[in-house]
Amino acid sequence: MYPARFDYHRAESLREATLLLERLGPDAKVLAGGQTLLPMMKLRLLKPAQLVDIGRISQARGICSTPAGIEIGALTTHQAVAHSALAREFPILKDCAGGIADPQVRSLGTIAGSLAEADPSSCWPALLVALNADVRCVSPTGERIQGVRTLLKHAYSPALGAAELIAAVIIPAAALQGGGAFVAFKRAAAAYPTASCALQLQVRNGTLVQAHLALGCVGMTPLVVDVNRHLAGAQLTPALAEQMGEIAVATAEPLTDNKGSEEYKRSLVRGLVRRAFRIATARAAGQAPVEPTHTYYG
C-alpha cells in the first residue's frame, strides 16, 4: 500500500528538527530509521501530514566512551552498536543490538527510535532499564537529562515533550562492571521476543556484589527486578541462579496472548534468567561462553 499524502522536511540538526516540530504542530512525525513508522504509514495506521527527516544528521551518530560511561548517539543504528569496539568490550551491548530483528532493520533502525516508540516488547528498553541509563533530550528551549526508567514509565507514551527529541543515550560506567548478558526467546528472528532478560553481574571473590536485572515483554513496561536486597553477598552457585529466577518470576506481569499463556511466560522467564546468569558469570570470570543469547522456535 501507499501512505497518505504528506509534506516532507529535512532537518540538518536535532535543534532544527525540534523547531520544525514546534512550528508544524501535532500533525508532524519524525523519521529516523523508519523501521516502525514507514510500515505503519503504508498501512495507513498513521497518517502524518508533515514528516521531519532527521536520518542524515551525522552529529547524532556514534558510540564512544566518556568519563561517565558509554554515550550512544540517537541515530546510531543497531548494527553500528553491535559491530563497535565497545560492544566487544561489553558483550551485553552486542547481545542486544546484534539480535534485533533482521539485517535490514539492524542497518537502518536506531537506538533512539526504539526508545521513542516505548514498546515494552523492544529489546533496547529492557537492556537500558536494567542498566539504569539516561537519555539526553533536546527541545526548542534547550537540553535536559532524564532516566530511561522515567522516559519509559508508560507503554507507547515516552516522557517527551511535543517538540522534544532524544539526542543521546548514556550508560553509566558503574552499571557495566563485571559480566552481563541479554537473552531473548522469539518465534522468528524478525519478531519481537516472547520474553527477554537483561542481566549484568558485578562479582568479587566468587560472590555477588551487585546485579542489574530487567525483564522485557512480560509487563506493560520493562520491569526492574530487585534482587540485590535478597541476594547481594551470596555465592555464585546454580542455587543463586534459581533464587534469582524465582524473584524474576514473581516480578513478571505477563498476559496471555497468541505468544503463550501467563503460566508459560513465567516459566520462560525462569529459564531466561538461568541462561543469562550462566553467560554473565562466565563473562565475569573472563571466559567466552558458547551458549546462544537469542533463541528462535519458529
Protein backbone atom coordinates (compact mmCIF):
# COMPACT_ATOMS: atom_id res chain seq x y z
CA MET A 1 0.00 0.00 0.00
CA TYR A 2 0.94 3.64 -0.32
CA PRO A 3 0.94 6.16 2.53
CA ALA A 4 -1.42 9.11 2.65
CA ARG A 5 -0.15 12.42 1.31
CA PHE A 6 2.36 14.28 3.48
CA ASP A 7 4.78 17.21 3.26
CA TYR A 8 8.46 16.36 3.67
CA HIS A 9 11.06 18.38 5.60
CA ARG A 10 14.73 17.51 6.11
CA ALA A 11 16.46 18.83 9.23
CA GLU A 12 20.20 19.47 9.31
CA SER A 13 20.45 19.27 13.12
CA LEU A 14 18.39 18.00 16.02
CA ARG A 15 17.89 21.57 17.16
CA GLU A 16 16.45 22.47 13.75
CA ALA A 17 14.24 19.39 13.89
CA THR A 18 12.74 20.44 17.22
CA LEU A 19 11.99 23.92 15.85
CA LEU A 20 10.29 22.35 12.83
CA LEU A 21 8.21 20.11 15.08
CA GLU A 22 7.22 23.09 17.19
CA ARG A 23 6.17 25.05 14.10
CA LEU A 24 4.40 22.20 12.31
CA GLY A 25 2.40 21.08 15.32
CA PRO A 26 0.81 17.76 16.31
CA ASP A 27 0.37 16.51 12.74
CA ALA A 28 4.15 16.17 12.33
CA LYS A 29 6.12 12.95 12.82
CA VAL A 30 9.87 12.34 12.98
CA LEU A 31 11.54 9.99 10.50
CA ALA A 32 14.85 8.45 11.60
CA GLY A 33 15.44 4.83 10.55
CA GLY A 34 11.79 4.45 9.63
CA GLN A 35 11.58 0.76 10.53
CA THR A 36 8.41 1.29 12.57
CA LEU A 37 6.98 4.49 11.12
CA LEU A 38 7.09 3.66 7.41
CA PRO A 39 5.26 0.30 7.60
CA MET A 40 2.54 1.93 9.70
CA MET A 41 2.24 4.75 7.19
CA LYS A 42 1.97 2.29 4.31
CA LEU A 43 -0.85 0.52 6.12
CA ARG A 44 -2.37 3.94 6.86
CA LEU A 45 -2.42 3.22 10.55
CA LEU A 46 -0.57 6.53 10.83
CA LYS A 47 -1.29 9.47 8.54
CA PRO A 48 1.07 12.33 9.47
CA ALA A 49 0.51 15.47 7.43
CA GLN A 50 4.14 16.51 7.96
CA LEU A 51 7.29 14.37 8.05
CA VAL A 52 10.53 15.69 9.55
CA ASP A 53 13.52 13.64 8.39
CA ILE A 54 16.44 13.56 10.84
CA GLY A 55 18.09 10.46 9.40
CA ARG A 56 21.05 12.26 7.81
CA ILE A 57 22.24 14.18 10.86
CA SER A 58 25.75 12.76 11.24
CA GLN A 59 26.42 14.53 14.55
CA ALA A 60 23.81 12.31 16.22
CA ARG A 61 25.59 9.07 15.29
CA GLY A 62 28.34 7.13 17.02
CA ILE A 63 29.22 5.31 20.22
CA CYS A 64 32.06 6.40 22.47
CA SER A 65 33.48 6.04 25.98
CA THR A 66 33.31 9.05 28.31
CA PRO A 67 34.26 9.57 31.97
CA ALA A 68 30.59 8.99 32.82
CA GLY A 69 30.31 5.74 30.87
CA ILE A 70 29.22 4.98 27.31
CA GLU A 71 27.40 7.54 25.16
CA ILE A 72 25.45 6.41 22.10
CA GLY A 73 24.16 9.00 19.63
CA ALA A 74 20.44 8.93 18.99
CA LEU A 75 20.76 7.96 15.32
CA THR A 76 23.31 5.20 15.87
CA THR A 77 21.99 2.06 14.22
CA HIS A 78 21.68 -1.28 15.97
CA GLN A 79 24.28 -2.67 13.57
CA ALA A 80 26.77 0.09 14.35
CA VAL A 81 26.48 -0.65 18.07
CA ALA A 82 26.80 -4.41 17.56
CA HIS A 83 29.98 -4.00 15.46
CA SER A 84 31.62 -1.39 17.71
CA ALA A 85 34.76 -1.90 19.77
CA LEU A 86 32.78 -1.07 22.92
CA ALA A 87 30.33 -3.88 22.18
CA ARG A 88 33.26 -6.26 22.08
CA GLU A 89 34.40 -4.92 25.43
CA PHE A 90 30.88 -5.10 26.89
CA PRO A 91 29.21 -8.08 25.15
CA ILE A 92 25.79 -7.36 26.64
CA LEU A 93 25.53 -4.49 24.13
CA LYS A 94 26.29 -6.83 21.23
CA ASP A 95 23.80 -9.38 22.54
CA CYS A 96 21.04 -6.80 22.37
CA ALA A 97 21.91 -4.84 19.24
CA GLY A 98 23.05 -7.83 17.20
CA GLY A 99 19.92 -9.85 17.93
CA ILE A 100 17.33 -7.27 16.91
CA ALA A 101 15.14 -8.42 14.03
CA ASP A 102 16.99 -8.92 10.72
CA PRO A 103 19.92 -7.27 8.86
CA GLN A 104 17.71 -4.64 7.20
CA VAL A 105 16.22 -3.47 10.49
CA ARG A 106 19.60 -3.54 12.22
CA SER A 107 21.24 -1.49 9.47
CA LEU A 108 18.52 1.20 9.42
CA GLY A 109 16.83 1.14 12.82
CA THR A 110 18.20 3.44 15.51
CA ILE A 111 18.54 3.22 19.27
CA ALA A 112 16.56 6.42 19.87
CA GLY A 113 13.83 5.27 17.51
CA SER A 114 13.46 2.11 19.56
CA LEU A 115 13.25 4.08 22.81
CA ALA A 116 10.91 6.75 21.45
CA GLU A 117 8.45 4.06 20.37
CA ALA A 118 8.31 2.95 24.04
CA ASP A 119 7.21 -0.53 23.01
CA PRO A 120 7.63 -2.85 26.03
CA SER A 121 8.48 -5.71 23.65
CA SER A 122 11.50 -3.96 22.13
CA CYS A 123 14.99 -5.09 23.14
CA TRP A 124 16.75 -1.80 23.89
CA PRO A 125 14.24 -0.64 26.53
CA ALA A 126 14.74 -3.77 28.65
CA LEU A 127 18.53 -3.52 28.48
CA LEU A 128 18.72 0.21 29.18
CA VAL A 129 16.24 -0.01 32.05
CA ALA A 130 18.37 -2.77 33.59
CA LEU A 131 21.49 -0.61 33.32
CA ASN A 132 19.64 2.47 34.63
CA ALA A 133 20.73 4.51 31.62
CA ASP A 134 19.94 8.16 30.97
CA VAL A 135 18.85 9.98 27.85
CA ARG A 136 19.89 13.48 26.86
CA CYS A 137 16.92 15.22 25.27
CA VAL A 138 16.82 18.37 23.16
CA SER A 139 13.90 20.75 22.64
CA PRO A 140 13.41 24.30 21.32
CA THR A 141 14.13 25.58 24.83
CA GLY A 142 17.35 23.65 25.44
CA GLU A 143 18.57 20.30 26.76
CA ARG A 144 17.77 18.10 29.72
CA ILE A 145 18.74 14.66 31.01
CA GLN A 146 16.26 12.13 32.31
CA GLY A 147 16.44 8.47 33.24
CA VAL A 148 15.31 5.82 30.77
CA ARG A 149 13.10 4.45 33.54
CA THR A 150 11.31 7.80 33.65
CA LEU A 151 11.18 8.05 29.86
CA LEU A 152 9.50 4.64 29.62
CA LYS A 153 7.16 4.97 32.58
CA HIS A 154 4.15 4.30 30.33
CA ALA A 155 3.86 1.94 27.36
CA TYR A 156 3.89 3.59 23.91
CA SER A 157 3.92 7.05 25.53
CA PRO A 158 7.51 8.20 26.15
CA ALA A 159 8.00 11.13 28.52
CA LEU A 160 8.95 13.55 25.75
CA GLY A 161 7.56 16.99 25.02
CA ALA A 162 5.67 17.63 21.78
CA ALA A 163 8.79 19.06 20.08
CA GLU A 164 11.40 17.17 22.10
CA LEU A 165 13.83 14.57 20.74
CA ILE A 166 16.30 12.11 22.21
CA ALA A 167 19.84 13.27 21.42
CA ALA A 168 21.90 10.53 23.09
CA VAL A 169 21.77 7.55 25.43
CA ILE A 170 24.22 7.47 28.36
CA ILE A 171 25.01 4.17 30.09
CA PRO A 172 26.78 4.71 33.45
CA ALA A 173 30.18 3.07 33.77
CA ALA A 174 29.29 1.57 37.17
CA ALA A 175 26.43 -0.43 35.65
CA LEU A 176 28.77 -2.16 33.18
CA GLN A 177 31.20 -3.58 35.73
CA GLY A 178 31.56 -7.36 35.76
CA GLY A 179 29.87 -9.53 33.15
CA GLY A 180 26.46 -9.45 31.57
CA ALA A 181 24.11 -10.95 29.02
CA PHE A 182 20.95 -10.03 27.17
CA VAL A 183 18.88 -13.09 26.24
CA ALA A 184 15.63 -13.37 24.32
CA PHE A 185 13.22 -16.05 23.11
CA LYS A 186 11.46 -15.43 19.78
CA ARG A 187 9.21 -17.13 17.29
CA ALA A 188 11.45 -15.89 14.48
CA ALA A 189 14.35 -13.50 14.04
CA ALA A 190 12.22 -10.63 12.75
CA ALA A 191 9.60 -10.96 15.51
CA TYR A 192 9.55 -9.24 18.88
CA PRO A 193 10.61 -11.60 21.68
CA THR A 194 8.06 -13.51 23.68
CA ALA A 195 10.24 -12.65 26.67
CA SER A 196 13.67 -11.13 27.23
CA CYS A 197 16.07 -10.67 30.11
CA ALA A 198 18.99 -8.28 30.67
CA LEU A 199 21.42 -9.18 33.45
CA GLN A 200 24.72 -7.57 34.45
CA LEU A 201 26.61 -9.03 37.41
CA GLN A 202 29.36 -7.41 39.46
CA VAL A 203 31.24 -10.10 41.38
CA ARG A 204 34.13 -10.31 43.80
CA ASN A 205 35.87 -13.48 45.04
CA GLY A 206 33.06 -15.70 43.86
CA THR A 207 30.27 -13.69 45.49
CA LEU A 208 27.64 -11.36 44.08
CA VAL A 209 28.35 -7.70 44.77
CA GLN A 210 25.53 -6.24 42.70
CA ALA A 211 23.14 -7.32 39.95
CA HIS A 212 21.29 -5.25 37.36
CA LEU A 213 18.29 -7.26 36.11
CA ALA A 214 15.28 -6.32 34.00
CA LEU A 215 12.65 -8.20 32.01
CA GLY A 216 11.11 -7.30 28.66
CA CYS A 217 7.80 -8.33 27.05
CA VAL A 218 6.22 -9.56 30.31
CA GLY A 219 4.72 -6.30 31.53
CA MET A 220 3.32 -3.05 30.19
CA THR A 221 6.80 -1.56 30.64
CA PRO A 222 10.25 -3.12 31.07
CA LEU A 223 10.37 -4.45 34.62
CA VAL A 224 13.25 -3.89 37.04
CA VAL A 225 13.86 -6.94 39.22
CA ASP A 226 15.22 -6.06 42.66
CA VAL A 227 17.49 -8.99 43.52
CA ASN A 228 20.19 -7.13 45.43
CA ARG A 229 18.08 -6.74 48.56
CA HIS A 230 17.84 -10.51 48.87
CA LEU A 231 20.94 -11.89 47.14
CA ALA A 232 23.85 -9.46 47.45
CA GLY A 233 26.78 -11.21 49.09
CA ALA A 234 25.63 -14.69 48.06
CA GLN A 235 27.95 -17.23 46.47
CA LEU A 236 27.77 -17.60 42.68
CA THR A 237 26.22 -21.04 42.50
CA PRO A 238 23.43 -22.68 40.49
CA ALA A 239 21.24 -22.24 43.56
CA LEU A 240 21.71 -18.46 43.29
CA ALA A 241 20.54 -18.60 39.68
CA GLU A 242 17.42 -20.46 40.83
CA GLN A 243 16.71 -17.87 43.50
CA MET A 244 17.20 -15.05 41.03
CA GLY A 245 14.83 -16.75 38.61
CA GLU A 246 12.12 -17.11 41.23
CA ILE A 247 12.36 -13.43 42.17
CA ALA A 248 12.07 -12.54 38.47
CA VAL A 249 9.03 -14.80 38.05
CA ALA A 250 7.34 -13.07 41.00
CA THR A 251 8.10 -9.67 39.41
CA ALA A 252 6.82 -10.55 35.92
CA GLU A 253 3.36 -9.40 34.88
CA PRO A 254 2.72 -11.45 31.72
CA LEU A 255 -0.56 -11.52 29.82
CA THR A 256 -1.94 -14.50 27.95
CA ASP A 257 -1.88 -13.83 24.20
CA ASN A 258 -1.06 -15.57 20.92
CA LYS A 259 2.55 -15.99 22.06
CA GLY A 260 1.62 -18.06 25.08
CA SER A 261 -0.20 -18.29 28.38
CA GLU A 262 0.70 -16.40 31.53
CA GLU A 263 1.99 -19.62 33.09
CA TYR A 264 4.11 -20.41 30.02
CA LYS A 265 5.70 -16.95 30.05
CA ARG A 266 6.55 -17.18 33.73
CA SER A 267 8.28 -20.49 33.06
CA LEU A 268 10.09 -18.86 30.15
CA VAL A 269 11.28 -16.01 32.37
CA ARG A 270 12.71 -18.53 34.82
CA GLY A 271 14.68 -20.24 32.05
CA LEU A 272 15.94 -16.99 30.55
CA VAL A 273 17.26 -15.76 33.89
CA ARG A 274 19.14 -19.03 34.36
CA ARG A 275 20.68 -18.73 30.90
CA ALA A 276 21.61 -15.07 31.41
CA PHE A 277 23.17 -15.99 34.77
CA ARG A 278 25.34 -18.71 33.22
CA ILE A 279 26.56 -16.42 30.45
CA ALA A 280 27.09 -13.41 32.72
CA THR A 281 29.07 -15.36 35.33
CA ALA A 282 31.27 -16.89 32.63
CA ARG A 283 31.98 -13.46 31.16
CA ALA A 284 32.67 -12.00 34.59
CA ALA A 285 35.30 -14.73 35.00
CA GLY A 286 36.91 -13.83 31.67
CA GLN A 287 35.52 -16.83 29.80
CA ALA A 288 33.83 -16.87 26.38
CA PRO A 289 30.57 -18.82 26.72
CA VAL A 290 29.18 -20.52 23.61
CA GLU A 291 25.55 -20.57 24.76
CA PRO A 292 23.29 -18.57 22.38
CA THR A 293 21.72 -15.39 23.64
CA HIS A 294 18.80 -15.35 21.17
CA THR A 295 16.75 -18.49 20.62
CA TYR A 296 14.14 -18.95 17.87
CA TYR A 297 11.39 -21.52 17.86
CA GLY A 298 9.53 -20.70 14.64
